[in-house]
Structure formats: structure tokens, C-alpha cells
N, C-alpha and C. Protein backbone atom coordinates (compact mmCIF):
# COMPACT_ATOMS: atom_id res chain seq x y z
N MET A 1 -4.31 -44.39 -9.15
CA MET A 1 -4.17 -45.17 -10.38
C MET A 1 -3.05 -44.57 -11.21
N LYS A 2 -2.16 -45.42 -11.67
CA LYS A 2 -1.03 -44.96 -12.47
C LYS A 2 -1.46 -44.75 -13.90
N ARG A 3 -0.90 -43.70 -14.50
CA ARG A 3 -1.19 -43.41 -15.88
C ARG A 3 -0.19 -44.16 -16.77
N LYS A 4 -0.69 -44.69 -17.86
CA LYS A 4 0.18 -45.39 -18.80
C LYS A 4 1.12 -44.40 -19.45
N ARG A 5 2.31 -44.88 -19.72
CA ARG A 5 3.28 -44.04 -20.43
C ARG A 5 2.85 -43.91 -21.88
N GLY A 6 3.22 -42.78 -22.44
CA GLY A 6 2.90 -42.57 -23.84
C GLY A 6 1.78 -41.54 -23.98
N LEU A 7 1.52 -41.20 -25.25
CA LEU A 7 0.51 -40.18 -25.53
C LEU A 7 -0.84 -40.83 -25.80
N THR A 8 -1.87 -40.13 -25.38
CA THR A 8 -3.22 -40.60 -25.69
C THR A 8 -3.52 -40.22 -27.13
N ALA A 9 -4.62 -40.71 -27.63
CA ALA A 9 -5.00 -40.40 -29.01
C ALA A 9 -5.28 -38.91 -29.15
N GLU A 10 -5.86 -38.33 -28.13
CA GLU A 10 -6.15 -36.89 -28.18
C GLU A 10 -4.84 -36.08 -28.18
N ASP A 11 -3.87 -36.50 -27.36
CA ASP A 11 -2.57 -35.83 -27.33
C ASP A 11 -1.89 -35.90 -28.70
N LYS A 12 -1.96 -37.08 -29.32
CA LYS A 12 -1.35 -37.24 -30.64
C LYS A 12 -2.03 -36.34 -31.67
N ALA A 13 -3.35 -36.19 -31.59
CA ALA A 13 -4.08 -35.34 -32.53
C ALA A 13 -3.69 -33.88 -32.34
N VAL A 14 -3.56 -33.46 -31.11
CA VAL A 14 -3.16 -32.08 -30.84
C VAL A 14 -1.75 -31.84 -31.34
N TRP A 15 -0.86 -32.80 -31.10
CA TRP A 15 0.52 -32.65 -31.56
C TRP A 15 0.59 -32.58 -33.08
N ALA A 16 -0.22 -33.36 -33.75
CA ALA A 16 -0.22 -33.34 -35.22
C ALA A 16 -0.67 -31.97 -35.72
N MET A 17 -1.65 -31.37 -35.08
CA MET A 17 -2.10 -30.03 -35.47
C MET A 17 -0.98 -29.01 -35.28
N VAL A 18 -0.25 -29.13 -34.18
CA VAL A 18 0.86 -28.21 -33.93
C VAL A 18 1.96 -28.46 -34.95
N ALA A 19 2.25 -29.70 -35.22
CA ALA A 19 3.32 -30.05 -36.15
C ALA A 19 3.04 -29.54 -37.56
N GLN A 20 1.77 -29.41 -37.93
CA GLN A 20 1.43 -28.92 -39.27
C GLN A 20 1.73 -27.42 -39.41
N THR A 21 1.89 -26.73 -38.30
CA THR A 21 2.15 -25.29 -38.36
C THR A 21 3.63 -24.96 -38.41
N ILE A 22 4.48 -25.98 -38.34
CA ILE A 22 5.92 -25.72 -38.35
C ILE A 22 6.57 -26.27 -39.60
N ARG A 23 7.76 -25.78 -39.89
CA ARG A 23 8.53 -26.27 -41.02
C ARG A 23 9.64 -27.16 -40.45
N PRO A 24 9.78 -28.39 -40.91
CA PRO A 24 10.81 -29.27 -40.35
C PRO A 24 12.22 -28.78 -40.69
N LEU A 25 13.15 -29.16 -39.86
CA LEU A 25 14.55 -28.84 -40.09
C LEU A 25 15.03 -29.53 -41.37
N PRO A 26 16.05 -28.97 -42.00
CA PRO A 26 16.56 -29.62 -43.22
C PRO A 26 17.01 -31.05 -42.92
N GLY A 27 16.61 -31.95 -43.75
CA GLY A 27 16.97 -33.35 -43.60
C GLY A 27 15.99 -34.13 -42.73
N ARG A 28 14.98 -33.48 -42.24
CA ARG A 28 13.97 -34.16 -41.41
C ARG A 28 12.65 -34.19 -42.16
N GLU A 29 11.79 -35.12 -41.73
CA GLU A 29 10.47 -35.23 -42.36
C GLU A 29 9.39 -34.83 -41.37
N MET A 30 8.20 -34.49 -41.92
CA MET A 30 7.04 -34.17 -41.09
C MET A 30 6.57 -35.44 -40.40
N PRO A 31 6.15 -35.36 -39.15
CA PRO A 31 5.61 -36.55 -38.49
C PRO A 31 4.30 -36.97 -39.13
N GLU A 32 4.04 -38.25 -38.99
CA GLU A 32 2.80 -38.76 -39.58
C GLU A 32 1.60 -38.27 -38.80
N ALA A 33 0.51 -38.01 -39.50
CA ALA A 33 -0.73 -37.58 -38.86
C ALA A 33 -1.39 -38.78 -38.24
N PRO A 34 -1.99 -38.64 -37.05
CA PRO A 34 -2.67 -39.77 -36.42
C PRO A 34 -3.94 -40.10 -37.19
N PRO A 35 -4.47 -41.29 -36.93
CA PRO A 35 -5.71 -41.64 -37.61
C PRO A 35 -6.81 -40.65 -37.22
N PRO A 36 -7.74 -40.36 -38.14
CA PRO A 36 -8.76 -39.35 -37.89
C PRO A 36 -9.88 -39.80 -36.96
N SER A 37 -9.58 -40.59 -35.93
CA SER A 37 -10.62 -41.06 -35.01
C SER A 37 -11.08 -39.97 -34.05
N ILE A 38 -10.20 -39.05 -33.74
CA ILE A 38 -10.56 -37.99 -32.80
C ILE A 38 -10.45 -36.66 -33.53
N THR A 39 -11.45 -35.87 -33.39
CA THR A 39 -11.43 -34.56 -34.01
C THR A 39 -11.15 -33.52 -32.93
N VAL A 40 -10.11 -32.77 -33.14
CA VAL A 40 -9.76 -31.70 -32.21
C VAL A 40 -9.94 -30.38 -32.93
N THR A 41 -10.75 -29.52 -32.37
CA THR A 41 -10.93 -28.21 -32.98
C THR A 41 -10.00 -27.22 -32.31
N PRO A 42 -9.32 -26.42 -33.10
CA PRO A 42 -8.43 -25.44 -32.49
C PRO A 42 -9.24 -24.41 -31.69
N PRO A 43 -8.68 -23.93 -30.61
CA PRO A 43 -9.42 -22.96 -29.81
C PRO A 43 -9.64 -21.67 -30.58
N GLN A 44 -10.81 -21.10 -30.42
CA GLN A 44 -11.15 -19.85 -31.09
C GLN A 44 -10.56 -18.68 -30.31
N ARG A 45 -9.99 -17.77 -31.02
CA ARG A 45 -9.46 -16.56 -30.37
C ARG A 45 -10.56 -15.51 -30.37
N THR A 46 -10.86 -15.04 -29.22
CA THR A 46 -11.86 -13.98 -29.12
C THR A 46 -11.15 -12.72 -28.67
N VAL A 47 -11.57 -11.64 -29.22
CA VAL A 47 -10.98 -10.36 -28.86
C VAL A 47 -11.87 -9.73 -27.80
N ALA A 48 -11.30 -9.58 -26.63
CA ALA A 48 -12.05 -8.97 -25.54
C ALA A 48 -12.03 -7.46 -25.70
N PRO A 49 -13.10 -6.80 -25.30
CA PRO A 49 -13.09 -5.34 -25.37
C PRO A 49 -12.07 -4.79 -24.39
N PRO A 50 -11.51 -3.64 -24.68
CA PRO A 50 -10.52 -3.08 -23.76
C PRO A 50 -11.16 -2.80 -22.41
N PRO A 51 -10.41 -3.03 -21.33
CA PRO A 51 -11.00 -2.81 -20.02
C PRO A 51 -11.31 -1.34 -19.80
N ALA A 52 -12.38 -1.11 -19.06
CA ALA A 52 -12.76 0.27 -18.74
C ALA A 52 -11.71 0.86 -17.81
N PRO A 53 -11.42 2.13 -17.96
CA PRO A 53 -10.42 2.73 -17.08
C PRO A 53 -10.89 2.66 -15.63
N ALA A 54 -9.97 2.25 -14.77
CA ALA A 54 -10.31 2.10 -13.36
C ALA A 54 -10.44 3.47 -12.72
N LYS A 55 -11.45 3.59 -11.88
CA LYS A 55 -11.63 4.83 -11.14
C LYS A 55 -10.96 4.67 -9.80
N ARG A 56 -9.81 5.31 -9.67
CA ARG A 56 -9.06 5.20 -8.42
C ARG A 56 -9.04 6.55 -7.75
N ALA A 57 -9.23 6.50 -6.46
CA ALA A 57 -9.14 7.74 -5.70
C ALA A 57 -7.67 8.12 -5.56
N LEU A 58 -7.41 9.39 -5.64
CA LEU A 58 -6.04 9.85 -5.47
C LEU A 58 -5.62 9.66 -4.02
N PRO A 59 -4.37 9.30 -3.80
CA PRO A 59 -3.93 9.16 -2.41
C PRO A 59 -3.92 10.53 -1.75
N PRO A 60 -4.13 10.54 -0.44
CA PRO A 60 -4.09 11.83 0.25
C PRO A 60 -2.72 12.46 0.12
N PRO A 61 -2.65 13.81 0.17
CA PRO A 61 -1.34 14.45 0.04
C PRO A 61 -0.43 14.10 1.20
N GLU A 62 0.85 14.23 0.97
CA GLU A 62 1.85 13.88 1.97
C GLU A 62 1.75 14.79 3.19
N ILE A 63 1.98 14.21 4.36
CA ILE A 63 1.96 14.96 5.62
C ILE A 63 3.35 15.53 5.85
N ASN A 64 3.42 16.83 6.03
CA ASN A 64 4.66 17.50 6.43
C ASN A 64 4.38 18.17 7.76
N VAL A 65 5.11 17.79 8.78
CA VAL A 65 4.90 18.35 10.10
C VAL A 65 5.22 19.84 10.04
N GLY A 66 4.23 20.65 10.39
CA GLY A 66 4.41 22.10 10.41
C GLY A 66 3.95 22.81 9.15
N ALA A 67 3.53 22.08 8.13
CA ALA A 67 3.03 22.69 6.89
C ALA A 67 1.53 22.51 6.82
N GLN A 68 0.81 23.61 6.50
CA GLN A 68 -0.65 23.54 6.44
C GLN A 68 -1.09 22.66 5.28
N PRO A 69 -1.89 21.64 5.58
CA PRO A 69 -2.36 20.76 4.51
C PRO A 69 -3.51 21.41 3.75
N SER A 70 -3.69 20.99 2.52
CA SER A 70 -4.83 21.49 1.75
C SER A 70 -6.11 20.88 2.35
N GLY A 71 -7.17 21.61 2.30
CA GLY A 71 -8.43 21.12 2.83
C GLY A 71 -8.64 21.43 4.30
N LEU A 72 -7.73 22.14 4.91
CA LEU A 72 -7.86 22.49 6.33
C LEU A 72 -7.93 24.01 6.42
N ASP A 73 -9.00 24.51 7.06
CA ASP A 73 -9.18 25.96 7.11
C ASP A 73 -8.10 26.61 7.98
N ALA A 74 -7.88 27.89 7.76
CA ALA A 74 -6.79 28.61 8.41
C ALA A 74 -6.95 28.66 9.93
N LYS A 75 -8.18 28.83 10.43
CA LYS A 75 -8.39 28.92 11.88
C LYS A 75 -8.05 27.59 12.56
N ARG A 76 -8.52 26.50 12.00
CA ARG A 76 -8.26 25.18 12.59
C ARG A 76 -6.75 24.91 12.58
N TRP A 77 -6.08 25.26 11.47
CA TRP A 77 -4.64 25.04 11.36
C TRP A 77 -3.89 25.89 12.38
N ARG A 78 -4.27 27.17 12.52
CA ARG A 78 -3.60 28.06 13.47
C ARG A 78 -3.75 27.53 14.90
N ASP A 79 -4.95 27.06 15.24
CA ASP A 79 -5.17 26.52 16.58
C ASP A 79 -4.33 25.26 16.83
N LEU A 80 -4.21 24.42 15.82
CA LEU A 80 -3.40 23.20 15.96
C LEU A 80 -1.93 23.56 16.09
N ARG A 81 -1.47 24.49 15.27
CA ARG A 81 -0.06 24.89 15.25
C ARG A 81 0.35 25.61 16.55
N ARG A 82 -0.55 26.40 17.10
CA ARG A 82 -0.23 27.15 18.33
C ARG A 82 -0.45 26.33 19.59
N GLY A 83 -1.07 25.20 19.46
CA GLY A 83 -1.31 24.37 20.63
C GLY A 83 -2.54 24.75 21.42
N THR A 84 -3.40 25.62 20.86
CA THR A 84 -4.62 26.00 21.58
C THR A 84 -5.69 24.92 21.47
N THR A 85 -5.61 24.07 20.46
CA THR A 85 -6.49 22.91 20.39
C THR A 85 -5.85 21.83 21.24
N ARG A 86 -6.49 21.49 22.34
CA ARG A 86 -5.93 20.52 23.28
C ARG A 86 -6.13 19.09 22.77
N PRO A 87 -5.08 18.29 22.84
CA PRO A 87 -5.24 16.89 22.42
C PRO A 87 -6.10 16.11 23.40
N GLU A 88 -6.89 15.21 22.85
CA GLU A 88 -7.76 14.36 23.67
C GLU A 88 -7.02 13.14 24.19
N ARG A 89 -6.00 12.69 23.46
CA ARG A 89 -5.19 11.54 23.87
C ARG A 89 -3.72 11.86 23.65
N LYS A 90 -2.87 11.16 24.38
CA LYS A 90 -1.43 11.40 24.28
C LYS A 90 -0.70 10.07 24.28
N LEU A 91 0.32 9.95 23.44
CA LEU A 91 1.18 8.76 23.39
C LEU A 91 2.61 9.21 23.59
N ASP A 92 3.27 8.67 24.62
CA ASP A 92 4.65 9.02 24.92
C ASP A 92 5.54 7.86 24.48
N LEU A 93 6.47 8.15 23.58
CA LEU A 93 7.34 7.11 23.01
C LEU A 93 8.70 7.02 23.69
N HIS A 94 8.92 7.79 24.74
CA HIS A 94 10.21 7.77 25.44
C HIS A 94 10.57 6.34 25.87
N GLY A 95 11.80 5.95 25.60
CA GLY A 95 12.30 4.65 26.03
C GLY A 95 11.97 3.51 25.10
N MET A 96 11.24 3.76 24.03
CA MET A 96 10.87 2.68 23.10
C MET A 96 11.90 2.59 21.97
N THR A 97 12.06 1.38 21.45
CA THR A 97 12.87 1.22 20.25
C THR A 97 12.04 1.67 19.06
N ALA A 98 12.69 1.88 17.93
CA ALA A 98 11.97 2.35 16.74
C ALA A 98 10.91 1.36 16.30
N ALA A 99 11.21 0.07 16.35
CA ALA A 99 10.25 -0.94 15.91
C ALA A 99 9.03 -0.97 16.82
N VAL A 100 9.25 -0.93 18.12
CA VAL A 100 8.14 -0.96 19.08
C VAL A 100 7.33 0.33 18.96
N ALA A 101 8.01 1.46 18.80
CA ALA A 101 7.32 2.75 18.68
C ALA A 101 6.47 2.81 17.41
N HIS A 102 6.96 2.25 16.33
CA HIS A 102 6.20 2.25 15.07
C HIS A 102 4.88 1.52 15.24
N VAL A 103 4.93 0.35 15.85
CA VAL A 103 3.71 -0.43 16.09
C VAL A 103 2.79 0.32 17.04
N ALA A 104 3.36 0.94 18.08
CA ALA A 104 2.55 1.67 19.06
C ALA A 104 1.84 2.86 18.40
N VAL A 105 2.55 3.58 17.53
CA VAL A 105 1.94 4.73 16.85
C VAL A 105 0.79 4.27 15.96
N GLU A 106 1.01 3.21 15.21
CA GLU A 106 -0.03 2.70 14.32
C GLU A 106 -1.27 2.28 15.10
N ARG A 107 -1.10 1.51 16.16
CA ARG A 107 -2.24 1.08 16.98
C ARG A 107 -2.95 2.26 17.62
N PHE A 108 -2.16 3.20 18.15
CA PHE A 108 -2.71 4.37 18.83
C PHE A 108 -3.58 5.18 17.88
N LEU A 109 -3.06 5.48 16.68
CA LEU A 109 -3.81 6.31 15.75
C LEU A 109 -5.06 5.60 15.23
N ARG A 110 -4.96 4.33 14.96
CA ARG A 110 -6.13 3.57 14.50
C ARG A 110 -7.22 3.53 15.57
N SER A 111 -6.83 3.28 16.82
CA SER A 111 -7.84 3.20 17.89
C SER A 111 -8.45 4.57 18.16
N CYS A 112 -7.63 5.63 18.12
CA CYS A 112 -8.16 6.98 18.33
C CYS A 112 -9.16 7.36 17.24
N GLN A 113 -8.84 7.04 16.01
CA GLN A 113 -9.77 7.36 14.93
C GLN A 113 -11.06 6.57 15.06
N ALA A 114 -10.95 5.30 15.45
CA ALA A 114 -12.14 4.47 15.62
C ALA A 114 -13.05 5.00 16.73
N GLU A 115 -12.44 5.62 17.75
CA GLU A 115 -13.22 6.18 18.86
C GLU A 115 -13.73 7.58 18.56
N GLY A 116 -13.35 8.15 17.42
CA GLY A 116 -13.82 9.47 17.06
C GLY A 116 -12.99 10.61 17.62
N VAL A 117 -11.80 10.30 18.13
CA VAL A 117 -10.91 11.32 18.67
C VAL A 117 -10.37 12.14 17.50
N ARG A 118 -10.34 13.48 17.64
CA ARG A 118 -9.89 14.33 16.55
C ARG A 118 -8.45 14.82 16.70
N VAL A 119 -8.02 15.17 17.92
CA VAL A 119 -6.67 15.71 18.11
C VAL A 119 -5.92 14.85 19.11
N VAL A 120 -4.71 14.40 18.72
CA VAL A 120 -3.86 13.59 19.58
C VAL A 120 -2.47 14.20 19.63
N CYS A 121 -1.71 13.82 20.63
CA CYS A 121 -0.33 14.27 20.79
C CYS A 121 0.57 13.04 20.84
N ILE A 122 1.64 13.07 20.06
CA ILE A 122 2.65 12.02 20.11
C ILE A 122 3.96 12.67 20.56
N VAL A 123 4.51 12.19 21.66
CA VAL A 123 5.74 12.72 22.22
C VAL A 123 6.88 11.79 21.83
N THR A 124 7.81 12.32 21.02
CA THR A 124 8.97 11.53 20.60
C THR A 124 10.19 11.89 21.43
N GLY A 125 10.21 13.07 21.95
CA GLY A 125 11.39 13.57 22.63
C GLY A 125 12.27 14.28 21.63
N LYS A 126 13.15 15.13 22.11
CA LYS A 126 14.01 15.91 21.22
C LYS A 126 15.20 15.10 20.73
N GLY A 127 15.61 14.10 21.48
CA GLY A 127 16.78 13.30 21.11
C GLY A 127 18.02 13.89 21.72
N SER A 128 19.04 13.09 21.85
CA SER A 128 20.26 13.53 22.51
C SER A 128 21.30 14.10 21.56
N SER A 129 21.19 13.80 20.28
CA SER A 129 22.18 14.29 19.32
C SER A 129 21.71 15.61 18.71
N THR A 130 22.57 16.23 17.92
CA THR A 130 22.22 17.50 17.30
C THR A 130 21.15 17.36 16.22
N GLU A 131 21.07 16.19 15.58
CA GLU A 131 20.05 15.96 14.54
C GLU A 131 18.70 15.59 15.13
N GLY A 132 18.64 15.31 16.41
CA GLY A 132 17.40 14.84 17.01
C GLY A 132 17.45 13.33 17.13
N GLY A 133 16.48 12.80 17.83
CA GLY A 133 16.46 11.36 18.07
C GLY A 133 15.92 10.57 16.89
N VAL A 134 16.09 9.28 16.99
CA VAL A 134 15.63 8.38 15.94
C VAL A 134 14.12 8.46 15.79
N LEU A 135 13.40 8.48 16.91
CA LEU A 135 11.93 8.49 16.85
C LEU A 135 11.43 9.79 16.23
N LYS A 136 12.04 10.89 16.58
CA LYS A 136 11.65 12.19 16.02
C LYS A 136 11.87 12.20 14.50
N ARG A 137 12.96 11.60 14.08
CA ARG A 137 13.30 11.56 12.66
C ARG A 137 12.40 10.59 11.89
N GLU A 138 12.00 9.51 12.52
CA GLU A 138 11.21 8.48 11.83
C GLU A 138 9.71 8.76 11.81
N LEU A 139 9.21 9.53 12.77
CA LEU A 139 7.77 9.75 12.88
C LEU A 139 7.14 10.26 11.58
N PRO A 140 7.70 11.27 10.90
CA PRO A 140 7.07 11.71 9.64
C PRO A 140 6.98 10.60 8.59
N HIS A 141 7.96 9.71 8.56
CA HIS A 141 7.91 8.58 7.61
C HIS A 141 6.77 7.64 7.96
N TRP A 142 6.60 7.38 9.25
CA TRP A 142 5.52 6.49 9.69
C TRP A 142 4.16 7.11 9.37
N LEU A 143 4.03 8.42 9.57
CA LEU A 143 2.76 9.08 9.31
C LEU A 143 2.40 9.07 7.83
N ASN A 144 3.40 9.02 6.95
CA ASN A 144 3.15 9.01 5.52
C ASN A 144 3.07 7.61 4.93
N ALA A 145 3.15 6.60 5.77
CA ALA A 145 3.02 5.22 5.28
C ALA A 145 1.59 5.00 4.77
N PRO A 146 1.41 4.14 3.78
CA PRO A 146 0.08 3.93 3.20
C PRO A 146 -0.99 3.52 4.22
N MET A 147 -0.60 2.86 5.30
CA MET A 147 -1.59 2.43 6.29
C MET A 147 -2.09 3.59 7.15
N LEU A 148 -1.24 4.57 7.42
CA LEU A 148 -1.62 5.67 8.31
C LEU A 148 -1.98 6.96 7.58
N ARG A 149 -1.49 7.13 6.38
CA ARG A 149 -1.71 8.40 5.68
C ARG A 149 -3.17 8.79 5.58
N PRO A 150 -4.09 7.88 5.29
CA PRO A 150 -5.50 8.27 5.19
C PRO A 150 -6.14 8.65 6.53
N VAL A 151 -5.48 8.36 7.63
CA VAL A 151 -6.04 8.63 8.96
C VAL A 151 -5.78 10.08 9.38
N ILE A 152 -4.70 10.69 8.88
CA ILE A 152 -4.22 11.97 9.39
C ILE A 152 -4.57 13.11 8.44
N LEU A 153 -5.06 14.20 9.03
CA LEU A 153 -5.38 15.39 8.25
C LEU A 153 -4.25 16.41 8.29
N GLY A 154 -3.66 16.62 9.47
CA GLY A 154 -2.58 17.59 9.60
C GLY A 154 -1.71 17.29 10.80
N ALA A 155 -0.47 17.81 10.79
CA ALA A 155 0.47 17.58 11.89
C ALA A 155 1.27 18.85 12.13
N ALA A 156 1.45 19.20 13.41
CA ALA A 156 2.20 20.40 13.75
C ALA A 156 2.83 20.25 15.12
N HIS A 157 3.95 20.95 15.32
CA HIS A 157 4.54 21.04 16.65
C HIS A 157 3.74 22.09 17.41
N PRO A 158 3.29 21.79 18.63
CA PRO A 158 2.42 22.73 19.34
C PRO A 158 3.14 23.99 19.80
N HIS A 159 4.44 23.99 19.84
CA HIS A 159 5.19 25.15 20.27
C HIS A 159 6.54 25.13 19.57
N ARG A 160 6.99 26.30 19.14
CA ARG A 160 8.24 26.39 18.41
C ARG A 160 9.41 25.83 19.19
N ALA A 161 9.40 26.03 20.51
CA ALA A 161 10.52 25.59 21.34
C ALA A 161 10.46 24.10 21.65
N ASN A 162 9.31 23.46 21.42
CA ASN A 162 9.16 22.04 21.75
C ASN A 162 8.98 21.23 20.48
N ALA A 163 10.07 20.83 19.89
CA ALA A 163 10.01 20.02 18.66
C ALA A 163 9.93 18.53 18.98
N GLY A 164 9.85 18.18 20.25
CA GLY A 164 9.78 16.78 20.65
C GLY A 164 8.37 16.25 20.76
N ALA A 165 7.37 17.08 20.45
CA ALA A 165 5.97 16.64 20.49
C ALA A 165 5.30 17.06 19.19
N VAL A 166 4.37 16.26 18.72
CA VAL A 166 3.63 16.55 17.50
C VAL A 166 2.15 16.38 17.79
N HIS A 167 1.37 17.40 17.45
CA HIS A 167 -0.09 17.30 17.55
C HIS A 167 -0.62 16.90 16.18
N LEU A 168 -1.51 15.94 16.17
CA LEU A 168 -2.08 15.44 14.92
C LEU A 168 -3.58 15.66 14.91
N LEU A 169 -4.08 16.15 13.80
CA LEU A 169 -5.52 16.26 13.59
C LEU A 169 -5.93 15.06 12.75
N LEU A 170 -6.80 14.24 13.30
CA LEU A 170 -7.21 13.01 12.61
C LEU A 170 -8.46 13.24 11.79
N ARG A 171 -8.59 12.49 10.74
CA ARG A 171 -9.80 12.54 9.92
C ARG A 171 -10.92 11.82 10.65
N ARG A 172 -12.13 12.23 10.35
CA ARG A 172 -13.28 11.53 10.92
C ARG A 172 -13.40 10.16 10.24
N PRO A 173 -13.78 9.14 10.99
CA PRO A 173 -13.93 7.82 10.35
C PRO A 173 -15.09 7.84 9.39
N ARG A 174 -14.96 7.13 8.27
CA ARG A 174 -16.02 7.08 7.28
C ARG A 174 -16.86 5.85 7.46
């Protein structure tokens, strides 16, 4: 059904109320008030109480490969860093592009945590250039992403001479 052009009586009443709150431009007159057939009450302003402060959990601290995280005892950290804690699962990223490897790491860590696995190994390789490979350089960024950061407790290279592998201690699922 098509609406008729023009203002309804209610629209005209609302406009008249608005027009009464303004001062006309010089040389202009106030618009005429509509007939008092419709009564429009102005909306009441209510003052809402201030919102309660939100209780947000602090994000977990940033993962630095090779740095002992807070909340991890010295013995567990030493075992992870020295490679004496054997990983239960291993993911080898050799030959993958960065995009494919990122998805693989995310899926791998999520599935391992869901299965209750505590220690995993991710092999990035050392890379062919002097700075290291793309995957080795990108892995710490992926581990600190908001989706994965809550999953990981600590990360370390299992051996000083092998910087192409990272052992990760995963948090227990809640």
C-alpha cells in the first residue's frame, strides 16, 4: 500500500513542538501551530546510573621463545629448555608457505590442547638466509596472536644449536 504524500497530523504536531524551540531567521515568521487534535508529549529524559566497571581478565603475558614465563616453575622450565621433556606430538612445517603454515599451527595447537597434550614440537627449519627463514621469523607472532596466546604456557628451543625447532608447553584445557 502506497503512503500518501505529505505529513500526518502527528508529524505536524511533532514538527510544531520542534519549531517552538528554535528562533526563526531574520525576516521569517514562526510556522503556524497545528490544530490541537493530537497531543504529543515530549519524551522524558531519564538518567541511567553509570555502568558498573567491567571485570575483564588480563590477557596472558606475551610468549618469548627462550624466556621463562611467569607462573612456570624453574624445574619444568629447565626441562623444557633442555629438551628433556619429550614432546608428545610434532608438526613439521618444511615446504609450507607462511599462510598454510599459520593455519596448520593454529589447528595443530588447538587439537593438541583439546586432547590434553602438554608438550609439542613445531619444526620451522633454520632457513636458508642469515636471518633465518620466514616460518622461523613468523612463528613467535603467530603464537602471540589472540587466538593462540591463551593456549600456550611457554616456548623454548630444545637445544642451543637447533634454533629450527620450538618446544611448546600447552595449558591444560579449562
